[in-house]
Amino acid sequence: MQAIDAKDSLNLSDLTRDEKREIWMKRQCQTLESLAVVCGCGLSALSRHFRNETMPTAYHQKLVEYGMPADTLPDPLDRPRGPKPRNSMTMTALAQAQ
């Protein structure tokens, strides 16, 4: 049997955000389904938010209040929903061209 080198041992600071979240979920016996219920959203929506760099502040706040460490979650950011507003310069240029 070989001895384990110190450099081969697990350094917890090297874990990614996703790995930390998975460890927390396993230790707390939580699933994506149970966390989606906490957030009040669907499973696919929560899974998509976890894959992104940001997530809605309401979901972030609910998960932190539930006990999930903030460093395991994407950054909270509310993005505008729906179609982007049209540029008024383009509309003016089109009106003048006619």
PDB file of N, CA and C in Angstrom:
ATOM      1  N   MET A   1       0.827  -1.179   0.000  1.00  0.00           N
ATOM      2  CA  MET A   1       0.000   0.000   0.000  1.00  0.00           C
ATOM      3  C   MET A   1       0.877   1.251   0.000  1.00  0.00           C
ATOM      4  N   GLN A   2       0.470   2.238  -0.778  1.00  0.00           N
ATOM      5  CA  GLN A   2       1.256   3.460  -0.850  1.00  0.00           C
ATOM      6  C   GLN A   2       0.717   4.498   0.133  1.00  0.00           C
ATOM      7  N   ALA A   3       1.642   5.298   0.647  1.00  0.00           N
ATOM      8  CA  ALA A   3       1.244   6.393   1.530  1.00  0.00           C
ATOM      9  C   ALA A   3       0.658   7.524   0.687  1.00  0.00           C
ATOM     10  N   ILE A   4      -0.296   8.222   1.247  1.00  0.00           N
ATOM     11  CA  ILE A   4      -0.917   9.346   0.542  1.00  0.00           C
ATOM     12  C   ILE A   4      -0.049  10.578   0.720  1.00  0.00           C
ATOM     13  N   ASP A   5       0.314  11.194  -0.400  1.00  0.00           N
ATOM     14  CA  ASP A   5       1.083  12.430  -0.339  1.00  0.00           C
ATOM     15  C   ASP A   5       0.198  13.564   0.142  1.00  0.00           C
ATOM     16  N   ALA A   6       0.802  14.543   0.800  1.00  0.00           N
ATOM     17  CA  ALA A   6       0.043  15.705   1.274  1.00  0.00           C
ATOM     18  C   ALA A   6      -0.554  16.480   0.117  1.00  0.00           C
ATOM     19  N   LYS A   7       0.129  16.529  -1.010  1.00  0.00           N
ATOM     20  CA  LYS A   7      -0.383  17.285  -2.148  1.00  0.00           C
ATOM     21  C   LYS A   7      -1.551  16.572  -2.831  1.00  0.00           C
ATOM     22  N   ASP A   8      -1.700  15.266  -2.591  1.00  0.00           N
ATOM     23  CA  ASP A   8      -2.810  14.508  -3.168  1.00  0.00           C
ATOM     24  C   ASP A   8      -4.064  14.559  -2.298  1.00  0.00           C
ATOM     25  N   SER A   9      -3.963  15.074  -1.083  1.00  0.00           N
ATOM     26  CA  SER A   9      -5.124  15.108  -0.204  1.00  0.00           C
ATOM     27  C   SER A   9      -6.112  16.179  -0.665  1.00  0.00           C
ATOM     28  N   LEU A  10      -7.333  16.024  -0.261  1.00  0.00           N
ATOM     29  CA  LEU A  10      -8.414  16.918  -0.675  1.00  0.00           C
ATOM     30  C   LEU A  10      -8.312  18.247   0.042  1.00  0.00           C
ATOM     31  N   ASN A  11      -8.277  19.321  -0.728  1.00  0.00           N
ATOM     32  CA  ASN A  11      -8.280  20.676  -0.180  1.00  0.00           C
ATOM     33  C   ASN A  11      -9.667  21.250  -0.433  1.00  0.00           C
ATOM     34  N   LEU A  12     -10.431  21.478   0.620  1.00  0.00           N
ATOM     35  CA  LEU A  12     -11.815  21.918   0.471  1.00  0.00           C
ATOM     36  C   LEU A  12     -11.935  23.290  -0.173  1.00  0.00           C
ATOM     37  N   SER A  13     -10.899  24.103  -0.095  1.00  0.00           N
ATOM     38  CA  SER A  13     -10.972  25.421  -0.715  1.00  0.00           C
ATOM     39  C   SER A  13     -10.896  25.323  -2.239  1.00  0.00           C
ATOM     40  N   ASP A  14     -10.480  24.174  -2.752  1.00  0.00           N
ATOM     41  CA  ASP A  14     -10.397  23.978  -4.196  1.00  0.00           C
ATOM     42  C   ASP A  14     -11.717  23.510  -4.807  1.00  0.00           C
ATOM     43  N   LEU A  15     -12.721  23.258  -3.989  1.00  0.00           N
ATOM     44  CA  LEU A  15     -14.002  22.792  -4.503  1.00  0.00           C
ATOM     45  C   LEU A  15     -14.726  23.918  -5.248  1.00  0.00           C
ATOM     46  N   THR A  16     -15.429  23.539  -6.290  1.00  0.00           N
ATOM     47  CA  THR A  16     -16.223  24.521  -7.027  1.00  0.00           C
ATOM     48  C   THR A  16     -17.516  24.804  -6.266  1.00  0.00           C
ATOM     49  N   ARG A  17     -18.207  25.839  -6.686  1.00  0.00           N
ATOM     50  CA  ARG A  17     -19.486  26.192  -6.070  1.00  0.00           C
ATOM     51  C   ARG A  17     -20.463  25.025  -6.188  1.00  0.00           C
ATOM     52  N   ASP A  18     -20.490  24.385  -7.344  1.00  0.00           N
ATOM     53  CA  ASP A  18     -21.398  23.263  -7.553  1.00  0.00           C
ATOM     54  C   ASP A  18     -21.061  22.085  -6.645  1.00  0.00           C
ATOM     55  N   GLU A  19     -19.781  21.812  -6.472  1.00  0.00           N
ATOM     56  CA  GLU A  19     -19.372  20.716  -5.597  1.00  0.00           C
ATOM     57  C   GLU A  19     -19.732  21.004  -4.141  1.00  0.00           C
ATOM     58  N   LYS A  20     -19.536  22.244  -3.708  1.00  0.00           N
ATOM     59  CA  LYS A  20     -19.914  22.627  -2.341  1.00  0.00           C
ATOM     60  C   LYS A  20     -21.414  22.474  -2.136  1.00  0.00           C
ATOM     61  N   ARG A  21     -22.194  22.893  -3.153  1.00  0.00           N
ATOM     62  CA  ARG A  21     -23.654  22.783  -3.052  1.00  0.00           C
ATOM     63  C   ARG A  21     -24.080  21.318  -2.965  1.00  0.00           C
ATOM     64  N   GLU A  22     -23.468  20.454  -3.780  1.00  0.00           N
ATOM     65  CA  GLU A  22     -23.800  19.030  -3.747  1.00  0.00           C
ATOM     66  C   GLU A  22     -23.478  18.414  -2.381  1.00  0.00           C
ATOM     67  N   ILE A  23     -22.336  18.777  -1.820  1.00  0.00           N
ATOM     68  CA  ILE A  23     -21.965  18.263  -0.504  1.00  0.00           C
ATOM     69  C   ILE A  23     -22.959  18.728   0.547  1.00  0.00           C
ATOM     70  N   TRP A  24     -23.331  20.018   0.511  1.00  0.00           N
ATOM     71  CA  TRP A  24     -24.300  20.539   1.483  1.00  0.00           C
ATOM     72  C   TRP A  24     -25.630  19.806   1.343  1.00  0.00           C
ATOM     73  N   MET A  25     -26.080  19.614   0.113  1.00  0.00           N
ATOM     74  CA  MET A  25     -27.365  18.955  -0.119  1.00  0.00           C
ATOM     75  C   MET A  25     -27.345  17.516   0.401  1.00  0.00           C
ATOM     76  N   LYS A  26     -26.240  16.801   0.182  1.00  0.00           N
ATOM     77  CA  LYS A  26     -26.152  15.420   0.665  1.00  0.00           C
ATOM     78  C   LYS A  26     -26.126  15.360   2.185  1.00  0.00           C
ATOM     79  N   ARG A  27     -25.387  16.279   2.800  1.00  0.00           N
ATOM     80  CA  ARG A  27     -25.307  16.293   4.270  1.00  0.00           C
ATOM     81  C   ARG A  27     -26.645  16.654   4.907  1.00  0.00           C
ATOM     82  N   GLN A  28     -27.422  17.489   4.245  1.00  0.00           N
ATOM     83  CA  GLN A  28     -28.716  17.913   4.777  1.00  0.00           C
ATOM     84  C   GLN A  28     -29.871  17.041   4.273  1.00  0.00           C
ATOM     85  N   CYS A  29     -29.555  16.017   3.485  1.00  0.00           N
ATOM     86  CA  CYS A  29     -30.556  15.125   2.885  1.00  0.00           C
ATOM     87  C   CYS A  29     -31.584  15.916   2.076  1.00  0.00           C
ATOM     88  N   GLN A  30     -31.094  16.849   1.288  1.00  0.00           N
ATOM     89  CA  GLN A  30     -31.951  17.686   0.447  1.00  0.00           C
ATOM     90  C   GLN A  30     -31.825  17.260  -1.007  1.00  0.00           C
ATOM     91  N   THR A  31     -32.915  17.411  -1.739  1.00  0.00           N
ATOM     92  CA  THR A  31     -32.920  17.145  -3.177  1.00  0.00           C
ATOM     93  C   THR A  31     -33.278  18.434  -3.893  1.00  0.00           C
ATOM     94  N   LEU A  32     -33.077  18.446  -5.208  1.00  0.00           N
ATOM     95  CA  LEU A  32     -33.497  19.614  -5.981  1.00  0.00           C
ATOM     96  C   LEU A  32     -34.996  19.834  -5.847  1.00  0.00           C
ATOM     97  N   GLU A  33     -35.749  18.748  -5.779  1.00  0.00           N
ATOM     98  CA  GLU A  33     -37.199  18.854  -5.633  1.00  0.00           C
ATOM     99  C   GLU A  33     -37.579  19.567  -4.335  1.00  0.00           C
ATOM    100  N   SER A  34     -36.925  19.198  -3.240  1.00  0.00           N
ATOM    101  CA  SER A  34     -37.262  19.823  -1.959  1.00  0.00           C
ATOM    102  C   SER A  34     -36.843  21.291  -1.933  1.00  0.00           C
ATOM    103  N   LEU A  35     -35.721  21.618  -2.576  1.00  0.00           N
ATOM    104  CA  LEU A  35     -35.288  23.014  -2.623  1.00  0.00           C
ATOM    105  C   LEU A  35     -36.182  23.837  -3.547  1.00  0.00           C
ATOM    106  N   ALA A  36     -36.704  23.213  -4.600  1.00  0.00           N
ATOM    107  CA  ALA A  36     -37.638  23.910  -5.487  1.00  0.00           C
ATOM    108  C   ALA A  36     -38.915  24.263  -4.732  1.00  0.00           C
ATOM    109  N   VAL A  37     -39.353  23.394  -3.842  1.00  0.00           N
ATOM    110  CA  VAL A  37     -40.531  23.679  -3.023  1.00  0.00           C
ATOM    111  C   VAL A  37     -40.250  24.863  -2.100  1.00  0.00           C
ATOM    112  N   VAL A  38     -39.057  24.917  -1.525  1.00  0.00           N
ATOM    113  CA  VAL A  38     -38.665  26.029  -0.656  1.00  0.00           C
ATOM    114  C   VAL A  38     -38.724  27.342  -1.425  1.00  0.00           C
ATOM    115  N   CYS A  39     -38.246  27.317  -2.671  1.00  0.00           N
ATOM    116  CA  CYS A  39     -38.224  28.529  -3.497  1.00  0.00           C
ATOM    117  C   CYS A  39     -39.598  28.875  -4.047  1.00  0.00           C
ATOM    118  N   GLY A  40     -40.456  27.874  -4.172  1.00  0.00           N
ATOM    119  CA  GLY A  40     -41.749  28.108  -4.787  1.00  0.00           C
ATOM    120  C   GLY A  40     -41.652  28.149  -6.301  1.00  0.00           C
ATOM    121  N   CYS A  41     -40.723  27.375  -6.853  1.00  0.00           N
ATOM    122  CA  CYS A  41     -40.558  27.327  -8.311  1.00  0.00           C
ATOM    123  C   CYS A  41     -40.496  25.871  -8.739  1.00  0.00           C
ATOM    124  N   GLY A  42     -40.415  25.650 -10.019  1.00  0.00           N
ATOM    125  CA  GLY A  42     -40.323  24.300 -10.545  1.00  0.00           C
ATOM    126  C   GLY A  42     -38.917  23.744 -10.471  1.00  0.00           C
ATOM    127  N   LEU A  43     -38.831  22.444 -10.584  1.00  0.00           N
ATOM    128  CA  LEU A  43     -37.541  21.759 -10.538  1.00  0.00           C
ATOM    129  C   LEU A  43     -36.629  22.212 -11.673  1.00  0.00           C
ATOM    130  N   SER A  44     -37.163  22.305 -12.882  1.00  0.00           N
ATOM    131  CA  SER A  44     -36.328  22.690 -14.024  1.00  0.00           C
ATOM    132  C   SER A  44     -35.860  24.140 -13.904  1.00  0.00           C
ATOM    133  N   ALA A  45     -36.706  25.008 -13.342  1.00  0.00           N
ATOM    134  CA  ALA A  45     -36.307  26.412 -13.168  1.00  0.00           C
ATOM    135  C   ALA A  45     -35.162  26.520 -12.167  1.00  0.00           C
ATOM    136  N   LEU A  46     -35.261  25.814 -11.056  1.00  0.00           N
ATOM    137  CA  LEU A  46     -34.198  25.871 -10.052  1.00  0.00           C
ATOM    138  C   LEU A  46     -32.907  25.267 -10.595  1.00  0.00           C
ATOM    139  N   SER A  47     -33.022  24.185 -11.325  1.00  0.00           N
ATOM    140  CA  SER A  47     -31.839  23.564 -11.921  1.00  0.00           C
ATOM    141  C   SER A  47     -31.161  24.535 -12.887  1.00  0.00           C
ATOM    142  N   ARG A  48     -31.950  25.251 -13.679  1.00  0.00           N
ATOM    143  CA  ARG A  48     -31.396  26.238 -14.615  1.00  0.00           C
ATOM    144  C   ARG A  48     -30.711  27.374 -13.859  1.00  0.00           C
ATOM    145  N   HIS A  49     -31.325  27.843 -12.773  1.00  0.00           N
ATOM    146  CA  HIS A  49     -30.719  28.920 -11.981  1.00  0.00           C
ATOM    147  C   HIS A  49     -29.393  28.474 -11.370  1.00  0.00           C
ATOM    148  N   PHE A  50     -29.308  27.227 -10.917  1.00  0.00           N
ATOM    149  CA  PHE A  50     -28.070  26.717 -10.346  1.00  0.00           C
ATOM    150  C   PHE A  50     -26.960  26.646 -11.395  1.00  0.00           C
ATOM    151  N   ARG A  51     -27.297  26.409 -12.655  1.00  0.00           N
ATOM    152  CA  ARG A  51     -26.293  26.334 -13.713  1.00  0.00           C
ATOM    153  C   ARG A  51     -25.815  27.716 -14.154  1.00  0.00           C
ATOM    154  N   ASN A  52     -26.612  28.758 -13.903  1.00  0.00           N
ATOM    155  CA  ASN A  52     -26.257  30.111 -14.323  1.00  0.00           C
ATOM    156  C   ASN A  52     -25.336  30.784 -13.311  1.00  0.00           C
ATOM    157  N   GLU A  53     -24.805  31.918 -13.700  1.00  0.00           N
ATOM    158  CA  GLU A  53     -23.949  32.708 -12.807  1.00  0.00           C
ATOM    159  C   GLU A  53     -24.774  33.516 -11.809  1.00  0.00           C
ATOM    160  N   THR A  54     -26.034  33.798 -12.150  1.00  0.00           N
ATOM    161  CA  THR A  54     -26.908  34.572 -11.270  1.00  0.00           C
ATOM    162  C   THR A  54     -28.240  33.861 -11.108  1.00  0.00           C
ATOM    163  N   MET A  55     -28.970  34.240 -10.071  1.00  0.00           N
ATOM    164  CA  MET A  55     -30.315  33.731  -9.846  1.00  0.00           C
ATOM    165  C   MET A  55     -31.154  34.847  -9.248  1.00  0.00           C
ATOM    166  N   PRO A  56     -32.476  34.778  -9.367  1.00  0.00           N
ATOM    167  CA  PRO A  56     -33.325  35.826  -8.812  1.00  0.00           C
ATOM    168  C   PRO A  56     -33.084  36.006  -7.309  1.00  0.00           C
ATOM    169  N   THR A  57     -33.134  37.255  -6.875  1.00  0.00           N
ATOM    170  CA  THR A  57     -32.838  37.547  -5.469  1.00  0.00           C
ATOM    171  C   THR A  57     -33.836  36.893  -4.526  1.00  0.00           C
ATOM    172  N   ALA A  58     -35.093  36.756  -4.936  1.00  0.00           N
ATOM    173  CA  ALA A  58     -36.101  36.142  -4.068  1.00  0.00           C
ATOM    174  C   ALA A  58     -35.746  34.679  -3.789  1.00  0.00           C
ATOM    175  N   TYR A  59     -35.336  33.935  -4.818  1.00  0.00           N
ATOM    176  CA  TYR A  59     -34.959  32.532  -4.623  1.00  0.00           C
ATOM    177  C   TYR A  59     -33.693  32.434  -3.782  1.00  0.00           C
ATOM    178  N   HIS A  60     -32.739  33.297  -4.059  1.00  0.00           N
ATOM    179  CA  HIS A  60     -31.478  33.313  -3.307  1.00  0.00           C
ATOM    180  C   HIS A  60     -31.761  33.552  -1.823  1.00  0.00           C
ATOM    181  N   GLN A  61     -32.596  34.539  -1.535  1.00  0.00           N
ATOM    182  CA  GLN A  61     -32.918  34.879  -0.146  1.00  0.00           C
ATOM    183  C   GLN A  61     -33.632  33.726   0.557  1.00  0.00           C
ATOM    184  N   LYS A  62     -34.590  33.089  -0.117  1.00  0.00           N
ATOM    185  CA  LYS A  62     -35.318  31.975   0.495  1.00  0.00           C
ATOM    186  C   LYS A  62     -34.387  30.817   0.821  1.00  0.00           C
ATOM    187  N   LEU A  63     -33.451  30.519  -0.073  1.00  0.00           N
ATOM    188  CA  LEU A  63     -32.523  29.410   0.163  1.00  0.00           C
ATOM    189  C   LEU A  63     -31.550  29.723   1.293  1.00  0.00           C
ATOM    190  N   VAL A  64     -31.082  30.963   1.363  1.00  0.00           N
ATOM    191  CA  VAL A  64     -30.180  31.354   2.456  1.00  0.00           C
ATOM    192  C   VAL A  64     -30.930  31.310   3.791  1.00  0.00           C
ATOM    193  N   GLU A  65     -32.166  31.795   3.804  1.00  0.00           N
ATOM    194  CA  GLU A  65     -32.973  31.732   5.035  1.00  0.00           C
ATOM    195  C   GLU A  65     -33.248  30.287   5.440  1.00  0.00           C
ATOM    196  N   TYR A  66     -33.335  29.399   4.477  1.00  0.00           N
ATOM    197  CA  TYR A  66     -33.557  27.974   4.736  1.00  0.00           C
ATOM    198  C   TYR A  66     -32.320  27.327   5.357  1.00  0.00           C
ATOM    199  N   GLY A  67     -31.153  27.959   5.151  1.00  0.00           N
ATOM    200  CA  GLY A  67     -29.928  27.438   5.754  1.00  0.00           C
ATOM    201  C   GLY A  67     -28.836  27.096   4.767  1.00  0.00           C
ATOM    202  N   MET A  68     -29.086  27.310   3.500  1.00  0.00           N
ATOM    203  CA  MET A  68     -28.076  27.008   2.484  1.00  0.00           C
ATOM    204  C   MET A  68     -27.009  28.096   2.496  1.00  0.00           C
ATOM    205  N   PRO A  69     -25.739  27.736   2.520  1.00  0.00           N
ATOM    206  CA  PRO A  69     -24.671  28.745   2.509  1.00  0.00           C
ATOM    207  C   PRO A  69     -24.704  29.572   1.221  1.00  0.00           C
ATOM    208  N   ALA A  70     -24.542  30.870   1.356  1.00  0.00           N
ATOM    209  CA  ALA A  70     -24.604  31.773   0.207  1.00  0.00           C
ATOM    210  C   ALA A  70     -23.499  31.504  -0.800  1.00  0.00           C
ATOM    211  N   ASP A  71     -22.349  30.990  -0.339  1.00  0.00           N
ATOM    212  CA  ASP A  71     -21.260  30.746  -1.280  1.00  0.00           C
ATOM    213  C   ASP A  71     -21.493  29.514  -2.152  1.00  0.00           C
ATOM    214  N   THR A  72     -22.563  28.765  -1.891  1.00  0.00           N
ATOM    215  CA  THR A  72     -22.900  27.625  -2.738  1.00  0.00           C
ATOM    216  C   THR A  72     -23.916  28.004  -3.809  1.00  0.00           C
ATOM    217  N   LEU A  73     -24.380  29.249  -3.771  1.00  0.00           N
ATOM    218  CA  LEU A  73     -25.418  29.709  -4.696  1.00  0.00           C
ATOM    219  C   LEU A  73     -24.863  30.708  -5.706  1.00  0.00           C
ATOM    220  N   PRO A  74     -25.508  30.793  -6.871  1.00  0.00           N
ATOM    221  CA  PRO A  74     -25.136  31.854  -7.812  1.00  0.00           C
ATOM    222  C   PRO A  74     -25.419  33.224  -7.198  1.00  0.00           C
ATOM    223  N   ASP A  75     -24.803  34.254  -7.725  1.00  0.00           N
ATOM    224  CA  ASP A  75     -25.010  35.607  -7.212  1.00  0.00           C
ATOM    225  C   ASP A  75     -26.455  36.041  -7.413  1.00  0.00           C
ATOM    226  N   PRO A  76     -27.039  36.748  -6.436  1.00  0.00           N
ATOM    227  CA  PRO A  76     -28.414  37.225  -6.602  1.00  0.00           C
ATOM    228  C   PRO A  76     -28.471  38.415  -7.562  1.00  0.00           C
ATOM    229  N   LEU A  77     -29.362  38.347  -8.528  1.00  0.00           N
ATOM    230  CA  LEU A  77     -29.533  39.434  -9.485  1.00  0.00           C
ATOM    231  C   LEU A  77     -30.894  39.301 -10.130  1.00  0.00           C
ATOM    232  N   ASP A  78     -31.675  40.376 -10.075  1.00  0.00           N
ATOM    233  CA  ASP A  78     -32.966  40.391 -10.747  1.00  0.00           C
ATOM    234  C   ASP A  78     -32.791  40.970 -12.137  1.00  0.00           C
ATOM    235  N   ARG A  79     -33.095  40.163 -13.134  1.00  0.00           N
ATOM    236  CA  ARG A  79     -32.997  40.602 -14.521  1.00  0.00           C
ATOM    237  C   ARG A  79     -34.394  40.937 -15.024  1.00  0.00           C
ATOM    238  N   PRO A  80     -34.498  41.949 -15.895  1.00  0.00           N
ATOM    239  CA  PRO A  80     -35.816  42.261 -16.444  1.00  0.00           C
ATOM    240  C   PRO A  80     -36.345  41.094 -17.272  1.00  0.00           C
ATOM    241  N   ARG A  81     -37.644  40.845 -17.156  1.00  0.00           N
ATOM    242  CA  ARG A  81     -38.257  39.746 -17.884  1.00  0.00           C
ATOM    243  C   ARG A  81     -38.946  40.276 -19.128  1.00  0.00           C
ATOM    244  N   GLY A  82     -39.195  39.398 -20.066  1.00  0.00           N
ATOM    245  CA  GLY A  82     -39.934  39.760 -21.256  1.00  0.00           C
ATOM    246  C   GLY A  82     -39.047  40.276 -22.366  1.00  0.00           C
ATOM    247  N   PRO A  83     -39.682  40.713 -23.455  1.00  0.00           N
ATOM    248  CA  PRO A  83     -38.889  41.190 -24.599  1.00  0.00           C
ATOM    249  C   PRO A  83     -38.173  42.490 -24.285  1.00  0.00           C
ATOM    250  N   LYS A  84     -37.051  42.678 -24.945  1.00  0.00           N
ATOM    251  CA  LYS A  84     -36.295  43.911 -24.758  1.00  0.00           C
ATOM    252  C   LYS A  84     -37.048  45.056 -25.434  1.00  0.00           C
ATOM    253  N   PRO A  85     -37.041  46.239 -24.832  1.00  0.00           N
ATOM    254  CA  PRO A  85     -37.728  47.372 -25.462  1.00  0.00           C
ATOM    255  C   PRO A  85     -37.051  47.760 -26.767  1.00  0.00           C
ATOM    256  N   ARG A  86     -37.862  48.205 -27.701  1.00  0.00           N
ATOM    257  CA  ARG A  86     -37.318  48.635 -28.989  1.00  0.00           C
ATOM    258  C   ARG A  86     -36.560  49.938 -28.818  1.00  0.00           C
ATOM    259  N   ASN A  87     -35.576  50.109 -29.640  1.00  0.00           N
ATOM    260  CA  ASN A  87     -34.775  51.315 -29.615  1.00  0.00           C
ATOM    261  C   ASN A  87     -35.553  52.434 -30.294  1.00  0.00           C
ATOM    262  N   SER A  88     -35.779  53.558 -29.615  1.00  0.00           N
ATOM    263  CA  SER A  88     -36.553  54.666 -30.178  1.00  0.00           C
ATOM    264  C   SER A  88     -35.830  55.305 -31.357  1.00  0.00           C
ATOM    265  N   MET A  89     -34.496  55.229 -31.383  1.00  0.00           N
ATOM    266  CA  MET A  89     -33.743  55.794 -32.508  1.00  0.00           C
ATOM    267  C   MET A  89     -34.074  55.038 -33.794  1.00  0.00           C
ATOM    268  N   THR A  90     -34.195  53.743 -33.708  1.00  0.00           N
ATOM    269  CA  THR A  90     -34.508  52.936 -34.881  1.00  0.00           C
ATOM    270  C   THR A  90     -35.897  53.280 -35.406  1.00  0.00           C
ATOM    271  N   MET A  91     -36.856  53.421 -34.496  1.00  0.00           N
ATOM    272  CA  MET A  91     -38.224  53.747 -34.903  1.00  0.00           C
ATOM    273  C   MET A  91     -38.269  55.124 -35.557  1.00  0.00           C
ATOM    274  N   THR A  92     -37.538  56.089 -35.044  1.00  0.00           N
ATOM    275  CA  THR A  92     -37.503  57.428 -35.618  1.00  0.00           C
ATOM    276  C   THR A  92     -36.876  57.397 -36.994  1.00  0.00           C
ATOM    277  N   ALA A  93     -35.792  56.658 -37.146  1.00  0.00           N
ATOM    278  CA  ALA A  93     -35.134  56.547 -38.444  1.00  0.00           C
ATOM    279  C   ALA A  93     -36.038  55.894 -39.460  1.00  0.00           C
ATOM    280  N   LEU A  94     -36.806  54.880 -39.041  1.00  0.00           N
ATOM    281  CA  LEU A  94     -37.740  54.216 -39.966  1.00  0.00           C
ATOM    282  C   LEU A  94     -38.857  55.158 -40.396  1.00  0.00           C
ATOM    283  N   ALA A  95     -39.349  55.960 -39.466  1.00  0.00           N
ATOM    284  CA  ALA A  95     -40.428  56.894 -39.778  1.00  0.00           C
ATOM    285  C   ALA A  95     -39.944  57.962 -40.755  1.00  0.00           C
ATOM    286  N   GLN A  96     -38.734  58.411 -40.609  1.00  0.00           N
ATOM    287  CA  GLN A  96     -38.192  59.439 -41.497  1.00  0.00           C
ATOM    288  C   GLN A  96     -37.897  58.882 -42.881  1.00  0.00           C
ATOM    289  N   ALA A  97     -37.560  57.616 -42.973  1.00  0.00           N
ATOM    290  CA  ALA A  97     -37.223  57.002 -44.246  1.00  0.00           C
ATOM    291  C   ALA A  97     -38.466  56.823 -45.122  1.00  0.00           C
ATOM    292  N   GLN A  98     -39.627  56.762 -44.515  1.00  0.00           N
ATOM    293  CA  GLN A  98     -40.855  56.580 -45.286  1.00  0.00           C
ATOM    294  C   GLN A  98     -41.339  57.872 -45.766  1.00  0.00           C
TER     295      GLN A  98
END
